[in-house]
C-alpha atoms as a PDB file:
ATOM      1  CA  MET A   1      -0.248  -0.116   0.066  1.00  0.00           C
ATOM      2  CA  LYS A   2       1.562   3.457  -0.733  1.00  0.00           C
ATOM      3  CA  LYS A   3       1.417   6.703   1.585  1.00  0.00           C
ATOM      4  CA  ALA A   4      -0.930   9.441   0.045  1.00  0.00           C
ATOM      5  CA  ASN A   5       0.549  12.003  -1.762  1.00  0.00           C
ATOM      6  CA  ASN A   6      -0.734  14.909   0.457  1.00  0.00           C
ATOM      7  CA  ILE A   7       1.316  17.542  -1.546  1.00  0.00           C
ATOM      8  CA  PRO A   8      -1.498  19.831  -2.461  1.00  0.00           C
ATOM      9  CA  GLU A   9      -1.900  20.336  -6.695  1.00  0.00           C
ATOM     10  CA  ASP A  10      -1.262  23.956  -6.179  1.00  0.00           C
ATOM     11  CA  TYR A  11       2.436  24.112  -5.162  1.00  0.00           C
ATOM     12  CA  ASP A  12       5.212  25.084  -6.097  1.00  0.00           C
ATOM     13  CA  ASP A  13       8.537  24.050  -4.517  1.00  0.00           C
ATOM     14  CA  GLY A  14      10.769  26.458  -7.456  1.00  0.00           C
ATOM     15  CA  MET A  15      11.809  23.411  -9.391  1.00  0.00           C
ATOM     16  CA  LEU A  16      11.807  23.529 -13.061  1.00  0.00           C
ATOM     17  CA  PRO A  17       9.229  20.954 -15.371  1.00  0.00           C
ATOM     18  CA  GLU A  18      12.430  19.399 -16.445  1.00  0.00           C
ATOM     19  CA  TYR A  19      13.392  18.542 -12.957  1.00  0.00           C
ATOM     20  CA  ASP A  20      11.488  15.950 -12.657  1.00  0.00           C
ATOM     21  CA  PHE A  21      12.809  13.604  -9.629  1.00  0.00           C
ATOM     22  CA  THR A  22       9.352  11.254  -9.264  1.00  0.00           C
ATOM     23  CA  ASP A  23      10.400   8.139 -10.828  1.00  0.00           C
ATOM     24  CA  LYS A  24      14.109   8.381  -9.882  1.00  0.00           C
ATOM     25  CA  LYS A  25      15.346   6.681  -6.571  1.00  0.00           C
ATOM     26  CA  GLY A  26      18.241   8.144  -4.811  1.00  0.00           C
ATOM     27  CA  MET A  27      21.135   6.986  -2.961  1.00  0.00           C
ATOM     28  CA  ARG A  28      21.943   7.848   1.240  1.00  0.00           C
ATOM     29  CA  GLY A  29      25.430   7.557   1.953  1.00  0.00           C
ATOM     30  CA  LYS A  30      26.857   6.994  -1.641  1.00  0.00           C
ATOM     31  CA  TYR A  31      30.010   8.989  -0.888  1.00  0.00           C
ATOM     32  CA  TYR A  32      30.371   7.964   2.795  1.00  0.00           C
ATOM     33  CA  ARG A  33      32.458   5.140   2.383  1.00  0.00           C
ATOM     34  CA  ASP A  34      35.298   6.664   0.304  1.00  0.00           C
ATOM     35  CA  ARG A  35      35.022  10.385   2.787  1.00  0.00           C
ATOM     36  CA  GLN A  36      36.047   8.363   5.504  1.00  0.00           C
ATOM     37  CA  LYS A  37      39.231   6.774   3.622  1.00  0.00           C
ATOM     38  CA  GLY A  38      40.459   9.886   1.882  1.00  0.00           C
ATOM     39  CA  TYR A  39      39.631  11.017  -1.357  1.00  0.00           C
ATOM     40  CA  SER A  40      41.655  13.755  -4.089  1.00  0.00           C
ATOM     41  CA  VAL A  41      39.767  16.202  -5.964  1.00  0.00           C
ATOM     42  CA  HIS A  42      41.338  17.087  -9.582  1.00  0.00           C
ATOM     43  CA  ILE A  43      40.590  21.201 -10.491  1.00  0.00           C
ATOM     44  CA  HIS A  44      41.325  21.536 -14.192  1.00  0.00           C
ATOM     45  CA  ASN A  45      42.919  25.516 -14.333  1.00  0.00           C
ATOM     46  CA  GLU A  46      42.018  27.441 -17.432  1.00  0.00           C
ATOM     47  CA  ASP A  47      45.888  27.423 -18.588  1.00  0.00           C
ATOM     48  CA  GLY A  48      45.338  24.091 -18.892  1.00  0.00           C
ATOM     49  CA  THR A  49      46.894  23.333 -15.666  1.00  0.00           C
ATOM     50  CA  ILE A  50      45.855  19.861 -13.714  1.00  0.00           C
ATOM     51  CA  THR A  51      45.877  20.702  -9.581  1.00  0.00           C
ATOM     52  CA  VAL A  52      45.178  17.991  -7.141  1.00  0.00           C
ATOM     53  CA  GLN A  53      44.385  18.009  -3.505  1.00  0.00           C
ATOM     54  CA  HIS A  54      44.276  14.925  -1.531  1.00  0.00           C
ATOM     55  CA  PHE A  55      41.936  15.769   1.619  1.00  0.00           C
ATOM     56  CA  GLY A  56      42.917  12.268   4.843  1.00  0.00           C
ATOM     57  CA  PRO A  57      40.415  10.777   6.006  1.00  0.00           C
ATOM     58  CA  THR A  58      37.716  12.522   8.134  1.00  0.00           C
ATOM     59  CA  ILE A  59      37.510  12.554  12.456  1.00  0.00           C
ATOM     60  CA  THR A  60      34.114  13.553  13.850  1.00  0.00           C
ATOM     61  CA  LEU A  61      34.896  15.021  17.391  1.00  0.00           C
ATOM     62  CA  ASP A  62      32.104  14.973  19.582  1.00  0.00           C
ATOM     63  CA  PRO A  63      30.543  18.521  20.308  1.00  0.00           C
ATOM     64  CA  ASP A  64      31.540  18.772  23.937  1.00  0.00           C
ATOM     65  CA  VAL A  65      35.517  17.874  22.855  1.00  0.00           C
ATOM     66  CA  SER A  66      34.702  20.626  19.638  1.00  0.00           C
ATOM     67  CA  ALA A  67      33.788  23.702  22.382  1.00  0.00           C
ATOM     68  CA  TYR A  68      37.633  23.416  23.382  1.00  0.00           C
ATOM     69  CA  PHE A  69      39.110  22.320  19.575  1.00  0.00           C
ATOM     70  CA  PRO A  70      37.925  25.205  16.783  1.00  0.00           C
ATOM     71  CA  ASP A  71      40.234  23.423  14.256  1.00  0.00           C
ATOM     72  CA  SER A  72      42.860  20.284  13.603  1.00  0.00           C
ATOM     73  CA  GLU A  73      45.814  22.423  13.684  1.00  0.00           C
ATOM     74  CA  SER A  74      44.677  23.072  17.777  1.00  0.00           C
ATOM     75  CA  VAL A  75      43.591  19.155  17.604  1.00  0.00           C
ATOM     76  CA  ASN A  76      47.626  18.387  15.947  1.00  0.00           C
ATOM     77  CA  ASN A  77      49.099  20.444  18.896  1.00  0.00           C
ATOM     78  CA  ALA A  78      47.290  18.769  21.624  1.00  0.00           C
ATOM     79  CA  LEU A  79      48.080  15.245  20.413  1.00  0.00           C
ATOM     80  CA  ARG A  80      51.978  16.063  19.667  1.00  0.00           C
ATOM     81  CA  ALA A  81      51.456  17.336  23.653  1.00  0.00           C
ATOM     82  CA  LEU A  82      50.115  14.293  25.058  1.00  0.00           C
ATOM     83  CA  ILE A  83      52.657  11.327  22.435  1.00  0.00           C
ATOM     84  CA  ALA A  84      55.616  13.766  24.257  1.00  0.00           C
ATOM     85  CA  LEU A  85      54.593  12.977  27.285  1.00  0.00           C
ATOM     86  CA  VAL A  86      54.443   9.233  26.346  1.00  0.00           C
ATOM     87  CA  PRO A  87      57.819   7.796  27.812  1.00  0.00           C
ATOM     88  CA  SER A  88      58.969   5.698  24.776  1.00  0.00           C
ATOM     89  CA  LYS A  89      59.839   2.703  26.813  1.00  0.00           C
ATOM     90  CA  GLN A  90      56.066   2.173  27.792  1.00  0.00           C
ATOM     91  CA  VAL A  91      55.212   2.372  23.227  1.00  0.00           C
ATOM     92  CA  SER A  92      58.128  -0.558  23.146  1.00  0.00           C
ATOM     93  CA  GLU A  93      56.833  -2.471  26.149  1.00  0.00           C
ATOM     94  CA  LYS A  94      53.493  -2.768  24.647  1.00  0.00           C
ATOM     95  CA  GLN A  95      54.867  -4.214  21.780  1.00  0.00           C
ATOM     96  CA  ALA A  96      57.247  -6.982  22.989  1.00  0.00           C
ATOM     97  CA  LYS A  97      54.174  -8.043  25.152  1.00  0.00           C
ATOM     98  CA  TYR A  98      52.683  -9.647  22.499  1.00  0.00           C
ATOM     99  CA  LYS A  99      55.663 -11.331  20.912  1.00  0.00           C
ATOM    100  CA  VAL A 100      56.289 -15.000  21.858  1.00  0.00           C
ATOM    101  CA  ASN A 101      58.306 -15.945  24.295  1.00  0.00           C
ATOM    102  CA  LYS A 102      60.883 -19.220  24.104  1.00  0.00           C
ATOM    103  CA  SER A 103      58.537 -22.243  25.943  1.00  0.00           C
ATOM    104  CA  PRO A 104      59.767 -22.202  29.759  1.00  0.00           C
ATOM    105  CA  ILE A 105      62.240 -25.109  30.614  1.00  0.00           C
ATOM    106  CA  LYS A 106      60.883 -28.335  32.100  1.00  0.00           C
ATOM    107  CA  LYS A 107      61.564 -29.592  35.273  1.00  0.00           C
ATOM    108  CA  THR A 108      61.476 -32.964  35.602  1.00  0.00           C
ATOM    109  CA  ALA A 109      60.443 -35.152  38.154  1.00  0.00           C
ATOM    110  CA  LYS A 110      64.289 -36.496  39.475  1.00  0.00           C
ATOM    111  CA  LYS A 111      65.771 -33.049  39.259  1.00  0.00           C
ATOM    112  CA  THR A 112      63.229 -31.628  41.708  1.00  0.00           C
ATOM    113  CA  ALA A 113      63.508 -35.175  44.148  1.00  0.00           C
ATOM    114  CA  ALA A 114      67.400 -34.318  43.976  1.00  0.00           C
ATOM    115  CA  ARG A 115      67.158 -30.267  44.761  1.00  0.00           C
ATOM    116  CA  LYS A 116      64.994 -31.331  47.862  1.00  0.00           C
END
């Protein structure tokens, strides 16, 4: 069952008649994944050259955090200050935690009994 169209016939939305989208279906979020990965824009200049601008992945801040950071430069400076506070040993210890260690030496019953 289709929904009833509640738009009056004399409604003027400002669209020209050649822009008829009645049989068209739009796709929501069509470019969302590309924007999350990062993308490039090619600008064709009048002199025949092409300027390429690369945009990195989009990172969204929560509203309470964005109140303290008005632009990306202030966020980068704050993160660099935090990185400088983390000692380099701590980073290498975390990496070492996931390395495979040699298996421990198994004690035999003879050696344990002899020591007692």
